[in-house]
């Protein structure tokens, strides 16, 4: 709950679903477990990253995504990263 946009419900769901994070060797493995890592369709020298895989727990994926969007409203490094991704993907920018 120390991160902007993460409330008690998101924190509780994370703890209940992930359990002990030490069972994962890297943080990327937690993202894969939840289904937040994009699918990859590559051939030759062209790498194409698609939509998220949607494997894993849909509730936690929904709450983490909402927390990320809410965290984008705060003036911090998270907002800067969110704005960069939004501009790159031609999304409407938040005010």
C-alpha atoms as a PDB file:
ATOM      1  CA  UNK A   1       0.000   0.000   0.000  1.00  0.00           C
ATOM      2  CA  UNK A   2       3.027   2.293  -0.037  1.00  0.00           C
ATOM      3  CA  UNK A   3       2.783   2.759  -3.816  1.00  0.00           C
ATOM      4  CA  UNK A   4       0.434   5.396  -5.243  1.00  0.00           C
ATOM      5  CA  UNK A   5      -2.778   3.868  -6.586  1.00  0.00           C
ATOM      6  CA  UNK A   6      -2.541   0.682  -4.500  1.00  0.00           C
ATOM      7  CA  UNK A   7      -5.198   0.477  -1.819  1.00  0.00           C
ATOM      8  CA  UNK A   8      -6.099  -2.107   0.795  1.00  0.00           C
ATOM      9  CA  UNK A   9      -8.156  -4.241  -1.617  1.00  0.00           C
ATOM     10  CA  UNK A  10      -5.360  -4.503  -4.189  1.00  0.00           C
ATOM     11  CA  UNK A  11      -2.774  -5.212  -1.494  1.00  0.00           C
ATOM     12  CA  UNK A  12      -4.953  -7.916   0.085  1.00  0.00           C
ATOM     13  CA  UNK A  13      -5.631  -9.595  -3.277  1.00  0.00           C
ATOM     14  CA  UNK A  14      -1.908  -9.502  -4.091  1.00  0.00           C
ATOM     15  CA  UNK A  15      -0.957 -11.129  -0.801  1.00  0.00           C
ATOM     16  CA  UNK A  16      -3.679 -13.794  -1.047  1.00  0.00           C
ATOM     17  CA  UNK A  17      -3.009 -14.733  -4.684  1.00  0.00           C
ATOM     18  CA  UNK A  18       0.785 -14.371  -4.885  1.00  0.00           C
ATOM     19  CA  UNK A  19       1.474 -15.585  -1.370  1.00  0.00           C
ATOM     20  CA  UNK A  20       5.170 -15.407  -0.564  1.00  0.00           C
ATOM     21  CA  UNK A  21       6.962 -13.495  -3.336  1.00  0.00           C
ATOM     22  CA  UNK A  22      10.229 -15.239  -2.463  1.00  0.00           C
ATOM     23  CA  UNK A  23       8.999 -18.339  -4.308  1.00  0.00           C
ATOM     24  CA  UNK A  24       9.687 -16.428  -7.540  1.00  0.00           C
ATOM     25  CA  UNK A  25      13.285 -15.820  -8.562  1.00  0.00           C
ATOM     26  CA  UNK A  26      12.591 -12.570 -10.464  1.00  0.00           C
ATOM     27  CA  UNK A  27       9.855  -9.955 -10.551  1.00  0.00           C
ATOM     28  CA  UNK A  28       9.146 -10.774 -14.192  1.00  0.00           C
ATOM     29  CA  UNK A  29       8.006 -14.236 -13.113  1.00  0.00           C
ATOM     30  CA  UNK A  30       5.291 -12.652 -10.957  1.00  0.00           C
ATOM     31  CA  UNK A  31       4.101 -10.680 -13.989  1.00  0.00           C
ATOM     32  CA  UNK A  32       4.009 -13.881 -16.011  1.00  0.00           C
ATOM     33  CA  UNK A  33       2.121 -15.691 -13.238  1.00  0.00           C
ATOM     34  CA  UNK A  34      -0.539 -12.962 -13.191  1.00  0.00           C
ATOM     35  CA  UNK A  35      -0.696 -12.694 -16.996  1.00  0.00           C
ATOM     36  CA  UNK A  36       0.590  -9.140 -17.453  1.00  0.00           C
ATOM     37  CA  UNK A  37       3.415 -10.058 -19.859  1.00  0.00           C
ATOM     38  CA  UNK A  38       2.633  -9.488 -23.561  1.00  0.00           C
ATOM     39  CA  UNK A  39       2.421 -12.346 -26.039  1.00  0.00           C
ATOM     40  CA  UNK A  40       5.253 -12.478 -28.548  1.00  0.00           C
ATOM     41  CA  UNK A  41       4.960 -13.288 -32.222  1.00  0.00           C
ATOM     42  CA  UNK A  42       8.443 -13.125 -33.719  1.00  0.00           C
ATOM     43  CA  UNK A  43       9.989 -14.259 -36.953  1.00  0.00           C
ATOM     44  CA  UNK A  44      13.444 -13.681 -38.427  1.00  0.00           C
ATOM     45  CA  UNK A  45      14.724 -10.380 -37.032  1.00  0.00           C
ATOM     46  CA  UNK A  46      11.310  -8.848 -36.352  1.00  0.00           C
ATOM     47  CA  UNK A  47       9.988  -8.948 -32.797  1.00  0.00           C
ATOM     48  CA  UNK A  48       6.288  -8.218 -32.313  1.00  0.00           C
ATOM     49  CA  UNK A  49       4.816  -7.918 -28.847  1.00  0.00           C
ATOM     50  CA  UNK A  50       1.047  -8.332 -28.777  1.00  0.00           C
ATOM     51  CA  UNK A  51      -1.664  -8.102 -26.164  1.00  0.00           C
ATOM     52  CA  UNK A  52      -1.216  -9.360 -22.604  1.00  0.00           C
ATOM     53  CA  UNK A  53      -1.483 -13.115 -22.282  1.00  0.00           C
ATOM     54  CA  UNK A  54      -4.445 -13.043 -19.829  1.00  0.00           C
ATOM     55  CA  UNK A  55      -3.238 -16.196 -18.120  1.00  0.00           C
ATOM     56  CA  UNK A  56      -3.552 -16.344 -14.357  1.00  0.00           C
ATOM     57  CA  UNK A  57      -5.902 -14.591 -11.981  1.00  0.00           C
ATOM     58  CA  UNK A  58      -8.180 -12.080 -13.703  1.00  0.00           C
ATOM     59  CA  UNK A  59      -9.129 -10.261 -10.465  1.00  0.00           C
ATOM     60  CA  UNK A  60      -5.533  -9.484  -9.568  1.00  0.00           C
ATOM     61  CA  UNK A  61      -4.783  -8.443 -13.161  1.00  0.00           C
ATOM     62  CA  UNK A  62      -7.780  -6.070 -13.061  1.00  0.00           C
ATOM     63  CA  UNK A  63      -6.787  -4.569  -9.696  1.00  0.00           C
ATOM     64  CA  UNK A  64      -3.127  -4.110 -10.637  1.00  0.00           C
ATOM     65  CA  UNK A  65      -4.129  -2.476 -13.926  1.00  0.00           C
ATOM     66  CA  UNK A  66      -6.481  -0.105 -12.108  1.00  0.00           C
ATOM     67  CA  UNK A  67      -3.777   0.686  -9.576  1.00  0.00           C
ATOM     68  CA  UNK A  68      -1.381   1.521 -12.377  1.00  0.00           C
ATOM     69  CA  UNK A  69      -3.875   3.883 -13.983  1.00  0.00           C
ATOM     70  CA  UNK A  70      -4.650   5.537 -10.647  1.00  0.00           C
ATOM     71  CA  UNK A  71      -0.922   5.827  -9.925  1.00  0.00           C
ATOM     72  CA  UNK A  72      -0.528   7.639 -13.243  1.00  0.00           C
ATOM     73  CA  UNK A  73      -2.444  10.567 -11.756  1.00  0.00           C
ATOM     74  CA  UNK A  74       0.302  11.287  -9.197  1.00  0.00           C
ATOM     75  CA  UNK A  75       3.283  13.504 -10.124  1.00  0.00           C
ATOM     76  CA  UNK A  76       6.017  10.896  -9.863  1.00  0.00           C
ATOM     77  CA  UNK A  77       8.180   8.591 -11.949  1.00  0.00           C
ATOM     78  CA  UNK A  78       5.159   6.338 -12.401  1.00  0.00           C
ATOM     79  CA  UNK A  79       3.225   9.178 -14.044  1.00  0.00           C
ATOM     80  CA  UNK A  80       6.153   9.916 -16.357  1.00  0.00           C
ATOM     81  CA  UNK A  81       6.297   6.249 -17.411  1.00  0.00           C
ATOM     82  CA  UNK A  82       2.523   6.145 -17.916  1.00  0.00           C
ATOM     83  CA  UNK A  83       2.582   9.292 -20.065  1.00  0.00           C
ATOM     84  CA  UNK A  84       5.427   7.873 -22.164  1.00  0.00           C
ATOM     85  CA  UNK A  85       3.489   4.654 -22.823  1.00  0.00           C
ATOM     86  CA  UNK A  86       0.259   6.539 -23.535  1.00  0.00           C
ATOM     87  CA  UNK A  87       1.955   8.786 -26.087  1.00  0.00           C
ATOM     88  CA  UNK A  88       3.693   5.838 -27.720  1.00  0.00           C
ATOM     89  CA  UNK A  89       0.408   3.962 -28.058  1.00  0.00           C
ATOM     90  CA  UNK A  90      -1.537   7.067 -29.203  1.00  0.00           C
ATOM     91  CA  UNK A  91      -3.904   7.018 -26.225  1.00  0.00           C
ATOM     92  CA  UNK A  92      -5.796   9.959 -24.818  1.00  0.00           C
ATOM     93  CA  UNK A  93      -3.658  11.534 -22.120  1.00  0.00           C
ATOM     94  CA  UNK A  94      -5.086  12.135 -18.620  1.00  0.00           C
ATOM     95  CA  UNK A  95      -5.244  15.679 -17.313  1.00  0.00           C
END
